[in-house]
Amino acid sequence: MREAALRYLRQVPRRPLPFVMTCALIVLFLATPVSGQVDTVEQLVYPPLPNLHIPQPTRVVLDNGMVVFLLEDHELPTVQVSARIRTGSRLEPADKVGLAALTGTVMRSGGTTTRTGDQLDDYLESKAASIETGIGVTAGSASMTCLSEDFSEVFTVFGDVLQRPRFDPGKLAIAKNRAMAGIARQNDNPDGILSREFAKLVYGKDSPYARIESYATVNNISQQDLIDWHAKYFVPNRIILGLVGDFQMEKALDLVKRTFEAWPQGEPFHDPIVPYQPSTTRKVYYVEKADMTQAKIVIGHLGLTRKHPDYHPVVIINQIVAGSFGARLFSNVRSQKGLAYDVNGGIGFGWDYPATASFSMSTKTDTTQAGVDALLEEARKIMETEPPTEEEVQKAKASLLNSFVFSVDSPGKILGKFLTYEYFGYPSDWLVRFRTGIEKATVDQVRKAARTHIKPDQFVFLIMGPRQGTAPALARYKTVEELDISIPES
């Protein structure tokens, strides 16, 4: 198979391979040992990783401050457009939680000043195209896909959606009703409860990173609130636009300018730092959910950002802890001890604020105590009593490096990464730095990072399940605080 790949490469010296085929051939080389027949897996010898050429998008800044990335890809007759908008639900006022999400939804569903939402739906369906908008915790987004022959026409409509949304009152009412229905169901999913309540414990219950919509906050939101939010945050100097697909660079850039350059620049932005108050005191919390037949457990504390100097060693730690079915948590807690079917853990990373570091599992109610002990034991092992071995580190590094190609196996993925780096202020070569950082990380650095960033003495413990089954496990703790997850009526 390796010889066949080489023959193919020799046959096409003058024509570049499609990017996806190039990635596939690289994977083929990675999967093919240089030696012949072997008796055991340990005898396999692999060649050094080949250099991977990652296409670089062209970056342009318009006069009104909009940043534009363009990356040609003529493999398919389509064009994809993505935008990142400097906004997010973390900027909402506390009495109007849900405003950002509603704005992102009704921008698209409500149509524009020239087309109603239903007319926009019909138009896009006739073109086999799509336009979507949304706002998450840290950013707003807008996207568009279409055939390359319709690019100019559909992109003009995309620009209309970004600049001139209608915020139709009827569509807003529908979106609010859906939000209300979601609030009513927020305690149906045990995993959702666990994630929500753990975030409150780690970031502080009033932190924008832990707040959730309520009937009262959604009822406080008016059409004018959406209009004002859009006016404040949807301005060109807060937007990063990316285009990838079957277009000619100069023509595409000219279209972007014609669509957006007359859009007035907004005020210089200085968004406030969003607070969080992580607990550093080890506490035990309980959520009663009588309709469960299992217990769910999560223990942990605040994590890191990707800008932390220990980022690459910690990525390796996460791979050792839970990166594969042969990782420590799966091998020890799931396979050897038989305590859980699903178990996970690691130190999370945020782009511009710390994510959470946690170990979690589901287990039978009568093994709740053993489950907590097993998670705590694995945390202490990786941190102190059984630090990562040289073999574990090398296997983790090999796995991360060999799978790296799948993170850049399409121009669309590559462009998305560049938009993210631009948005959060990361260097444009961050993608290349990842591979280099993993390669250079040493066993000592990985062990030190584990000792530094896993802190069992600061763990928050959250246990959820039926009271009767989990009571014996909770009884051994001097103090257990029960959390109220009831849904306020107003």
Protein backbone atom coordinates (compact mmCIF):
# COMPACT_ATOMS: atom_id res chain seq x y z
CA MET A 1 0.00 0.00 0.00
CA ARG A 2 2.87 2.33 0.81
CA GLU A 3 4.46 1.58 -2.59
CA ALA A 4 1.15 2.31 -4.33
CA ALA A 5 0.98 5.70 -2.66
CA LEU A 6 4.51 6.50 -3.79
CA ARG A 7 3.69 5.49 -7.37
CA TYR A 8 0.66 7.78 -7.31
CA LEU A 9 2.72 10.71 -6.09
CA ARG A 10 5.30 10.17 -8.85
CA GLN A 11 2.60 10.10 -11.52
CA VAL A 12 1.28 13.59 -10.77
CA PRO A 13 4.32 15.86 -10.39
CA ARG A 14 2.72 18.91 -12.02
CA ARG A 15 -0.72 18.90 -10.40
CA PRO A 16 -1.21 19.54 -6.65
CA LEU A 17 -3.29 16.96 -4.82
CA PRO A 18 -6.62 17.95 -3.30
CA PHE A 19 -6.03 18.87 0.32
CA VAL A 20 -8.17 16.02 1.70
CA MET A 21 -6.27 13.45 -0.42
CA THR A 22 -2.97 14.87 0.80
CA CYS A 23 -4.08 14.39 4.41
CA ALA A 24 -5.24 10.85 3.61
CA LEU A 25 -1.84 9.96 2.16
CA ILE A 26 -0.09 11.39 5.22
CA VAL A 27 -2.26 9.20 7.43
CA LEU A 28 -1.35 6.25 5.20
CA PHE A 29 2.34 6.92 5.78
CA LEU A 30 1.76 7.27 9.52
CA ALA A 31 -0.04 3.94 9.63
CA THR A 32 2.59 2.02 7.66
CA PRO A 33 5.64 0.70 9.55
CA VAL A 34 9.01 0.98 7.88
CA SER A 35 9.97 -2.58 8.77
CA GLY A 36 8.45 -5.73 7.30
CA GLN A 37 6.77 -8.56 9.19
CA VAL A 38 6.78 -8.29 13.01
CA ASP A 39 5.64 -10.61 15.78
CA THR A 40 4.38 -8.08 18.37
CA VAL A 41 3.00 -4.56 18.41
CA GLU A 42 6.01 -3.39 20.38
CA GLN A 43 8.28 -4.29 17.44
CA LEU A 44 6.58 -1.85 15.07
CA VAL A 45 8.85 1.02 14.06
CA TYR A 46 7.37 4.13 12.49
CA PRO A 47 9.10 6.79 10.40
CA PRO A 48 9.33 10.38 11.66
CA LEU A 49 6.21 12.45 11.09
CA PRO A 50 6.35 14.14 7.67
CA ASN A 51 6.04 17.87 7.31
CA LEU A 52 2.41 18.88 6.85
CA HIS A 53 1.76 21.90 4.67
CA ILE A 54 -1.12 23.91 6.12
CA PRO A 55 -2.62 26.46 3.72
CA GLN A 56 -2.46 30.01 5.05
CA PRO A 57 -5.48 32.25 4.52
CA THR A 58 -5.03 35.81 3.32
CA ARG A 59 -5.80 38.41 6.00
CA VAL A 60 -7.22 41.83 5.07
CA VAL A 61 -8.50 44.66 7.27
CA LEU A 62 -11.18 46.91 5.75
CA ASP A 63 -11.22 50.64 6.36
CA ASN A 64 -14.08 50.26 8.84
CA GLY A 65 -12.09 47.78 10.96
CA MET A 66 -13.61 44.50 9.79
CA VAL A 67 -11.00 41.73 9.62
CA VAL A 68 -11.39 39.37 6.65
CA PHE A 69 -9.71 35.99 6.03
CA LEU A 70 -9.91 34.37 2.59
CA LEU A 71 -8.85 30.85 1.61
CA GLU A 72 -9.45 29.48 -1.88
CA ASP A 73 -10.44 25.82 -2.24
CA HIS A 74 -11.62 24.65 -5.66
CA GLU A 75 -12.23 21.01 -4.79
CA LEU A 76 -16.02 21.51 -4.64
CA PRO A 77 -18.23 24.19 -6.27
CA THR A 78 -19.28 25.67 -2.93
CA VAL A 79 -18.46 28.64 -0.71
CA GLN A 80 -18.62 28.78 3.08
CA VAL A 81 -18.63 32.02 5.05
CA SER A 82 -18.18 32.35 8.82
CA ALA A 83 -18.19 35.38 11.07
CA ARG A 84 -17.20 35.86 14.68
CA ILE A 85 -18.75 38.82 16.46
CA ARG A 86 -17.24 40.27 19.63
CA THR A 87 -20.20 39.78 21.93
CA GLY A 88 -21.51 36.99 24.14
CA SER A 89 -23.98 36.14 26.87
CA ARG A 90 -21.36 36.89 29.52
CA LEU A 91 -21.99 40.59 28.75
CA GLU A 92 -25.72 40.43 29.51
CA PRO A 93 -27.24 42.34 32.43
CA ALA A 94 -28.13 39.96 35.26
CA ASP A 95 -31.85 40.74 35.01
CA LYS A 96 -31.98 39.87 31.30
CA VAL A 97 -30.14 36.56 31.04
CA GLY A 98 -31.13 35.06 27.70
CA LEU A 99 -30.95 38.32 25.77
CA ALA A 100 -27.88 37.35 23.74
CA ALA A 101 -29.29 33.98 22.71
CA LEU A 102 -32.61 35.53 21.70
CA THR A 103 -30.82 38.19 19.66
CA GLY A 104 -28.81 35.55 17.83
CA THR A 105 -31.92 33.49 17.10
CA VAL A 106 -34.28 36.25 15.97
CA MET A 107 -31.63 37.94 13.81
CA ARG A 108 -32.08 35.03 11.43
CA SER A 109 -35.65 33.85 12.07
CA GLY A 110 -37.05 37.39 12.01
CA GLY A 111 -35.70 38.24 8.58
CA THR A 112 -34.37 41.59 7.42
CA THR A 113 -35.80 44.98 6.51
CA THR A 114 -36.17 43.75 2.91
CA ARG A 115 -37.35 40.13 3.56
CA THR A 116 -39.47 38.58 6.26
CA GLY A 117 -38.13 35.51 8.01
CA ASP A 118 -40.43 33.24 5.98
CA GLN A 119 -39.41 34.90 2.73
CA LEU A 120 -35.77 34.44 3.68
CA ASP A 121 -36.42 30.74 4.34
CA ASP A 122 -38.05 30.33 0.92
CA TYR A 123 -35.24 32.19 -0.85
CA LEU A 124 -32.48 30.11 0.74
CA GLU A 125 -34.35 26.88 0.05
CA SER A 126 -34.63 27.81 -3.63
CA LYS A 127 -30.85 28.30 -3.74
CA ALA A 128 -29.95 25.19 -1.68
CA ALA A 129 -28.18 27.67 0.61
CA SER A 130 -28.17 28.38 4.32
CA ILE A 131 -27.65 31.36 6.60
CA GLU A 132 -27.51 30.92 10.38
CA THR A 133 -26.80 33.21 13.32
CA GLY A 134 -26.31 32.67 17.03
CA ILE A 135 -24.66 34.01 20.18
CA GLY A 136 -22.91 31.86 22.77
CA VAL A 137 -21.15 32.60 26.03
CA THR A 138 -18.03 34.25 24.58
CA ALA A 139 -18.88 35.12 20.97
CA GLY A 140 -21.53 35.68 18.36
CA SER A 141 -21.50 33.75 15.11
CA ALA A 142 -22.97 33.92 11.63
CA SER A 143 -22.49 31.43 8.81
CA MET A 144 -23.43 30.97 5.19
CA THR A 145 -23.09 28.15 2.65
CA CYS A 146 -24.06 28.20 -1.00
CA LEU A 147 -23.10 27.00 -4.45
CA SER A 148 -20.28 29.03 -5.95
CA GLU A 149 -22.51 30.12 -8.85
CA ASP A 150 -24.83 31.82 -6.31
CA PHE A 151 -22.06 33.24 -4.14
CA SER A 152 -22.46 36.91 -5.01
CA GLU A 153 -26.24 36.94 -4.64
CA VAL A 154 -26.44 34.92 -1.42
CA PHE A 155 -23.55 36.82 0.17
CA THR A 156 -25.44 40.07 -0.37
CA VAL A 157 -28.36 38.57 1.58
CA PHE A 158 -25.93 37.41 4.27
CA GLY A 159 -24.71 41.00 4.60
CA ASP A 160 -28.31 42.16 4.90
CA VAL A 161 -28.93 39.74 7.79
CA LEU A 162 -25.87 41.00 9.67
CA GLN A 163 -26.53 44.69 9.11
CA ARG A 164 -30.30 45.10 8.90
CA PRO A 165 -32.21 42.46 10.90
CA ARG A 166 -35.94 43.03 11.31
CA PHE A 167 -36.32 41.51 14.81
CA ASP A 168 -39.90 40.63 14.00
CA PRO A 169 -42.11 40.70 17.17
CA GLY A 170 -43.91 37.51 16.15
CA LYS A 171 -40.67 35.58 15.73
CA LEU A 172 -39.40 36.99 19.03
CA ALA A 173 -42.54 35.68 20.76
CA ILE A 174 -41.92 32.22 19.28
CA ALA A 175 -38.28 32.29 20.41
CA LYS A 176 -39.27 33.36 23.93
CA ASN A 177 -41.83 30.57 24.14
CA ARG A 178 -39.14 28.06 23.17
CA ALA A 179 -36.83 29.52 25.80
CA MET A 180 -39.58 29.16 28.39
CA ALA A 181 -40.12 25.53 27.36
CA GLY A 182 -36.40 24.92 27.78
CA ILE A 183 -36.49 26.38 31.29
CA ALA A 184 -39.39 24.08 32.18
CA ARG A 185 -37.34 21.07 31.05
CA GLN A 186 -34.00 22.10 32.55
CA ASN A 187 -34.16 19.42 35.25
CA ASP A 188 -35.03 16.57 32.90
CA ASN A 189 -31.44 15.81 31.89
CA PRO A 190 -29.17 14.66 34.76
CA ASP A 191 -26.01 15.53 32.85
CA GLY A 192 -27.32 19.04 32.25
CA ILE A 193 -28.06 19.47 35.96
CA LEU A 194 -24.60 18.23 36.95
CA SER A 195 -22.83 20.54 34.49
CA ARG A 196 -24.96 23.54 35.44
CA GLU A 197 -24.60 23.16 39.20
CA PHE A 198 -20.89 22.35 39.04
CA ALA A 199 -20.29 25.56 37.08
CA LYS A 200 -22.05 27.54 39.80
CA LEU A 201 -19.84 25.96 42.45
CA VAL A 202 -16.62 26.63 40.56
CA TYR A 203 -17.26 30.09 39.09
CA GLY A 204 -19.71 31.42 41.68
CA LYS A 205 -23.48 31.24 41.34
CA ASP A 206 -23.76 34.84 40.12
CA SER A 207 -20.94 34.61 37.59
CA PRO A 208 -21.95 35.12 33.94
CA TYR A 209 -20.17 31.81 33.26
CA ALA A 210 -22.70 30.02 35.47
CA ARG A 211 -25.92 32.01 35.11
CA ILE A 212 -28.92 30.43 33.41
CA GLU A 213 -32.14 31.79 31.98
CA SER A 214 -35.21 32.02 34.18
CA TYR A 215 -38.83 32.85 33.48
CA ALA A 216 -38.26 36.28 35.01
CA THR A 217 -35.18 37.20 32.98
CA VAL A 218 -36.73 36.07 29.70
CA ASN A 219 -39.94 37.97 30.45
CA ASN A 220 -37.83 41.10 30.99
CA ILE A 221 -36.56 41.03 27.39
CA SER A 222 -38.25 43.23 24.80
CA GLN A 223 -37.84 43.78 21.07
CA GLN A 224 -36.04 47.03 21.82
CA ASP A 225 -33.48 45.14 23.92
CA LEU A 226 -32.61 43.04 20.86
CA ILE A 227 -32.36 46.12 18.67
CA ASP A 228 -30.09 47.84 21.19
CA TRP A 229 -27.89 44.74 21.63
CA HIS A 230 -27.43 44.46 17.88
CA ALA A 231 -26.64 48.17 17.53
CA LYS A 232 -24.01 47.97 20.26
CA TYR A 233 -22.18 44.81 19.28
CA PHE A 234 -22.84 44.19 15.58
CA VAL A 235 -20.50 46.75 14.09
CA PRO A 236 -17.73 46.01 11.56
CA ASN A 237 -14.78 46.64 13.87
CA ARG A 238 -16.14 43.88 16.15
CA ILE A 239 -16.45 41.34 13.33
CA ILE A 240 -13.98 38.81 11.94
CA LEU A 241 -15.14 37.36 8.63
CA GLY A 242 -13.83 34.21 6.97
CA LEU A 243 -14.44 32.93 3.44
CA VAL A 244 -13.38 29.53 2.13
CA GLY A 245 -14.27 27.75 -1.08
CA ASP A 246 -14.54 27.99 -4.83
CA PHE A 247 -13.94 31.68 -5.55
CA GLN A 248 -11.29 33.97 -6.98
CA MET A 249 -9.52 35.95 -4.29
CA GLU A 250 -9.73 39.41 -5.85
CA LYS A 251 -13.38 39.07 -6.88
CA ALA A 252 -14.36 37.74 -3.45
CA LEU A 253 -12.59 40.58 -1.65
CA ASP A 254 -14.26 43.10 -3.95
CA LEU A 255 -17.65 41.55 -3.07
CA VAL A 256 -16.88 41.79 0.65
CA LYS A 257 -15.97 45.46 0.27
CA ARG A 258 -19.10 46.27 -1.73
CA THR A 259 -21.24 44.52 0.88
CA PHE A 260 -19.68 45.80 4.09
CA GLU A 261 -17.34 48.75 3.54
CA ALA A 262 -20.10 51.37 3.78
CA TRP A 263 -21.13 49.99 7.19
CA PRO A 264 -20.05 52.66 9.72
CA GLN A 265 -17.44 51.69 12.26
CA GLY A 266 -18.60 51.44 15.86
CA GLU A 267 -17.05 52.90 18.98
CA PRO A 268 -13.69 51.44 20.09
CA PHE A 269 -14.54 48.53 22.35
CA HIS A 270 -13.27 47.90 25.83
CA ASP A 271 -15.44 45.05 27.06
CA PRO A 272 -15.37 44.59 30.84
CA ILE A 273 -13.51 41.67 32.40
CA VAL A 274 -16.13 39.11 33.35
CA PRO A 275 -15.69 38.00 36.98
CA TYR A 276 -15.63 34.57 38.51
CA GLN A 277 -14.97 33.62 42.13
CA PRO A 278 -13.72 30.05 42.31
CA SER A 279 -13.95 28.21 45.59
CA THR A 280 -10.65 27.12 47.14
CA THR A 281 -12.29 25.31 50.06
CA ARG A 282 -13.01 21.62 49.76
CA LYS A 283 -16.77 21.14 50.18
CA VAL A 284 -19.34 18.43 49.47
CA TYR A 285 -22.63 19.22 47.76
CA TYR A 286 -25.64 17.05 47.03
CA VAL A 287 -28.50 17.27 44.54
CA GLU A 288 -31.48 15.03 45.12
CA LYS A 289 -32.99 13.51 41.98
CA ALA A 290 -35.36 10.76 42.98
CA ASP A 291 -36.14 9.52 39.47
CA MET A 292 -32.56 8.41 38.84
CA THR A 293 -31.43 4.80 39.18
CA GLN A 294 -27.74 5.76 39.34
CA ALA A 295 -25.59 8.33 41.05
CA LYS A 296 -23.62 10.96 39.18
CA ILE A 297 -20.40 12.33 40.65
CA VAL A 298 -18.12 15.19 39.66
CA ILE A 299 -15.14 16.47 41.63
CA GLY A 300 -12.81 19.30 40.64
CA HIS A 301 -11.91 22.97 40.58
CA LEU A 302 -10.99 25.78 38.19
CA GLY A 303 -8.92 24.85 35.14
CA LEU A 304 -6.67 26.86 32.83
CA THR A 305 -6.56 28.90 29.63
CA ARG A 306 -4.68 27.81 26.52
CA LYS A 307 -2.24 30.68 27.03
CA HIS A 308 -0.87 29.08 30.19
CA PRO A 309 2.81 28.09 29.83
CA ASP A 310 1.94 24.51 30.85
CA TYR A 311 -0.67 24.10 28.11
CA HIS A 312 1.16 21.40 26.13
CA PRO A 313 2.22 19.27 29.12
CA VAL A 314 -1.35 19.43 30.42
CA VAL A 315 -2.75 18.31 27.05
CA ILE A 316 -0.53 15.25 27.45
CA ILE A 317 -1.83 14.70 31.00
CA ASN A 318 -5.40 14.75 29.71
CA GLN A 319 -4.52 12.16 27.09
CA ILE A 320 -3.02 9.90 29.77
CA VAL A 321 -6.01 10.35 32.09
CA ALA A 322 -8.91 9.92 29.65
CA GLY A 323 -7.76 10.29 26.06
CA SER A 324 -8.46 6.72 24.96
CA PHE A 325 -10.02 3.46 26.12
CA GLY A 326 -6.59 2.47 27.37
CA ALA A 327 -6.24 5.63 29.47
CA ARG A 328 -6.07 5.50 33.25
CA LEU A 329 -9.67 6.30 34.10
CA PHE A 330 -11.10 3.79 31.65
CA SER A 331 -8.58 1.12 32.53
CA ASN A 332 -8.69 1.48 36.31
CA VAL A 333 -12.15 2.76 37.21
CA ARG A 334 -14.20 1.22 34.43
CA SER A 335 -12.42 -2.00 33.47
CA GLN A 336 -10.57 -3.13 36.60
CA LYS A 337 -12.92 -1.90 39.32
CA GLY A 338 -16.13 -2.13 37.29
CA LEU A 339 -17.54 1.00 38.90
CA ALA A 340 -18.70 2.91 35.86
CA TYR A 341 -19.59 2.66 32.21
CA ASP A 342 -18.93 6.34 31.54
CA VAL A 343 -16.04 8.02 33.30
CA ASN A 344 -14.09 11.09 32.28
CA GLY A 345 -11.60 13.60 33.57
CA GLY A 346 -8.94 16.14 32.81
CA ILE A 347 -7.94 19.78 33.05
CA GLY A 348 -10.11 21.92 30.80
CA PHE A 349 -8.92 24.93 28.82
CA GLY A 350 -10.76 28.10 27.91
CA TRP A 351 -9.59 30.53 25.26
CA ASP A 352 -9.74 33.69 27.36
CA TYR A 353 -11.00 32.43 30.71
CA PRO A 354 -10.27 29.23 32.65
CA ALA A 355 -12.42 26.18 32.00
CA THR A 356 -12.93 23.59 34.75
CA ALA A 357 -10.70 20.72 35.86
CA SER A 358 -12.79 17.73 36.84
CA PHE A 359 -13.15 13.98 37.25
CA SER A 360 -16.65 12.58 36.74
CA MET A 361 -18.58 9.34 36.46
CA SER A 362 -21.94 7.60 36.70
CA THR A 363 -22.18 4.61 39.01
CA LYS A 364 -24.72 2.43 40.81
CA THR A 365 -26.16 4.11 43.86
CA ASP A 366 -24.72 1.48 46.19
CA THR A 367 -21.22 2.13 44.83
CA THR A 368 -21.40 5.92 45.20
CA GLN A 369 -18.82 5.94 47.97
CA ALA A 370 -16.48 3.64 46.05
CA GLY A 371 -16.93 5.85 42.98
CA VAL A 372 -15.94 9.03 44.82
CA ASP A 373 -12.93 7.26 46.30
CA ALA A 374 -11.88 5.89 42.92
CA LEU A 375 -11.97 9.31 41.25
CA LEU A 376 -10.06 10.91 44.11
CA GLU A 377 -7.52 8.08 44.02
CA GLU A 378 -6.89 8.59 40.29
CA ALA A 379 -6.44 12.32 40.83
CA ARG A 380 -3.88 11.70 43.58
CA LYS A 381 -2.08 9.06 41.52
CA ILE A 382 -1.51 11.24 38.47
CA MET A 383 -0.53 14.13 40.71
CA GLU A 384 1.65 12.46 43.27
CA THR A 385 1.76 8.73 44.06
CA GLU A 386 1.95 7.36 40.49
CA PRO A 387 3.06 10.22 38.24
CA PRO A 388 3.04 9.75 34.46
CA THR A 389 5.61 7.23 33.30
CA GLU A 390 7.92 7.76 30.39
CA GLU A 391 6.01 5.11 28.44
CA GLU A 392 2.67 6.83 29.11
CA VAL A 393 4.05 10.20 28.03
CA GLN A 394 5.52 8.83 24.81
CA LYS A 395 2.32 6.98 23.92
CA ALA A 396 0.23 10.07 24.65
CA LYS A 397 2.50 12.25 22.53
CA ALA A 398 2.40 9.76 19.65
CA SER A 399 -1.38 9.61 19.78
CA LEU A 400 -1.74 13.40 19.82
CA LEU A 401 0.76 13.93 17.01
CA ASN A 402 -0.63 11.16 14.82
CA SER A 403 -4.17 12.50 15.16
CA PHE A 404 -3.13 16.11 14.57
CA VAL A 405 -3.72 15.80 10.84
CA PHE A 406 -7.45 15.23 11.44
CA SER A 407 -7.75 18.68 12.99
CA VAL A 408 -6.58 20.27 9.73
CA ASP A 409 -7.94 17.86 7.13
CA SER A 410 -10.10 20.45 5.38
CA PRO A 411 -9.63 24.12 4.45
CA GLY A 412 -12.83 24.89 6.37
CA LYS A 413 -11.35 23.56 9.61
CA ILE A 414 -8.15 25.49 9.05
CA LEU A 415 -10.00 28.75 8.41
CA GLY A 416 -12.11 28.23 11.52
CA LYS A 417 -8.98 27.92 13.61
CA PHE A 418 -7.55 31.16 12.22
CA LEU A 419 -10.79 32.98 13.03
CA THR A 420 -10.61 31.67 16.60
CA TYR A 421 -6.97 32.73 17.02
CA GLU A 422 -7.74 36.21 15.71
CA TYR A 423 -10.80 36.56 17.93
CA PHE A 424 -9.06 35.60 21.17
CA GLY A 425 -5.73 37.27 20.42
CA TYR A 426 -3.60 34.18 19.82
CA PRO A 427 -0.60 34.22 17.44
CA SER A 428 -1.39 33.20 13.86
CA ASP A 429 1.07 30.29 14.07
CA TRP A 430 -0.67 28.78 17.11
CA LEU A 431 -1.62 25.75 15.04
CA VAL A 432 2.01 25.00 14.25
CA ARG A 433 3.06 25.72 17.83
CA PHE A 434 0.70 23.00 19.08
CA ARG A 435 2.57 20.24 17.29
CA THR A 436 5.97 21.64 18.26
CA GLY A 437 4.89 22.07 21.87
CA ILE A 438 3.73 18.46 22.14
CA GLU A 439 6.93 17.18 20.55
CA LYS A 440 9.17 19.16 22.92
CA ALA A 441 7.31 18.44 26.17
CA THR A 442 9.40 16.31 28.54
CA VAL A 443 8.38 13.73 31.12
CA ASP A 444 9.55 16.04 33.91
CA GLN A 445 7.43 18.89 32.56
CA VAL A 446 4.36 16.65 32.40
CA ARG A 447 4.89 15.42 35.97
CA LYS A 448 5.42 18.94 37.26
CA ALA A 449 2.27 20.15 35.50
CA ALA A 450 0.26 17.33 37.09
CA ARG A 451 1.55 18.27 40.57
CA THR A 452 0.82 21.94 39.94
CA HIS A 453 -2.61 21.90 38.35
CA ILE A 454 -4.42 18.98 40.01
CA LYS A 455 -5.29 20.02 43.57
CA PRO A 456 -7.37 17.43 45.46
CA ASP A 457 -7.31 19.56 48.61
CA GLN A 458 -9.30 22.19 46.69
CA PHE A 459 -11.78 19.83 45.04
CA VAL A 460 -15.46 20.62 45.14
CA PHE A 461 -17.50 17.39 45.40
CA LEU A 462 -20.93 17.23 43.75
CA ILE A 463 -23.04 14.09 44.09
CA MET A 464 -26.47 13.65 42.51
CA GLY A 465 -28.96 10.83 42.78
CA PRO A 466 -31.82 9.36 44.81
CA ARG A 467 -31.53 10.09 48.52
CA GLN A 468 -31.98 6.50 49.69
CA GLY A 469 -29.19 5.11 47.53
CA THR A 470 -26.64 7.88 48.05
CA ALA A 471 -27.24 8.50 51.79
CA PRO A 472 -24.55 6.04 53.04
CA ALA A 473 -21.89 7.73 50.93
CA LEU A 474 -22.92 11.21 52.10
CA ALA A 475 -23.09 10.19 55.75
CA ARG A 476 -19.33 9.95 56.08
CA TYR A 477 -18.88 13.68 55.42
CA LYS A 478 -19.18 16.04 58.37
CA THR A 479 -20.96 18.68 56.31
CA VAL A 480 -22.99 18.23 53.12
CA GLU A 481 -24.77 21.17 51.54
CA GLU A 482 -27.91 20.26 49.60
CA LEU A 483 -28.53 22.35 46.49
CA ASP A 484 -31.97 23.56 45.54
CA ILE A 485 -32.59 22.98 41.81
CA SER A 486 -36.29 23.86 41.82
CA ILE A 487 -37.38 26.17 39.03
CA PRO A 488 -38.64 29.57 40.24
CA GLU A 489 -42.09 30.39 38.91
CA SER A 490 -41.26 34.03 38.30
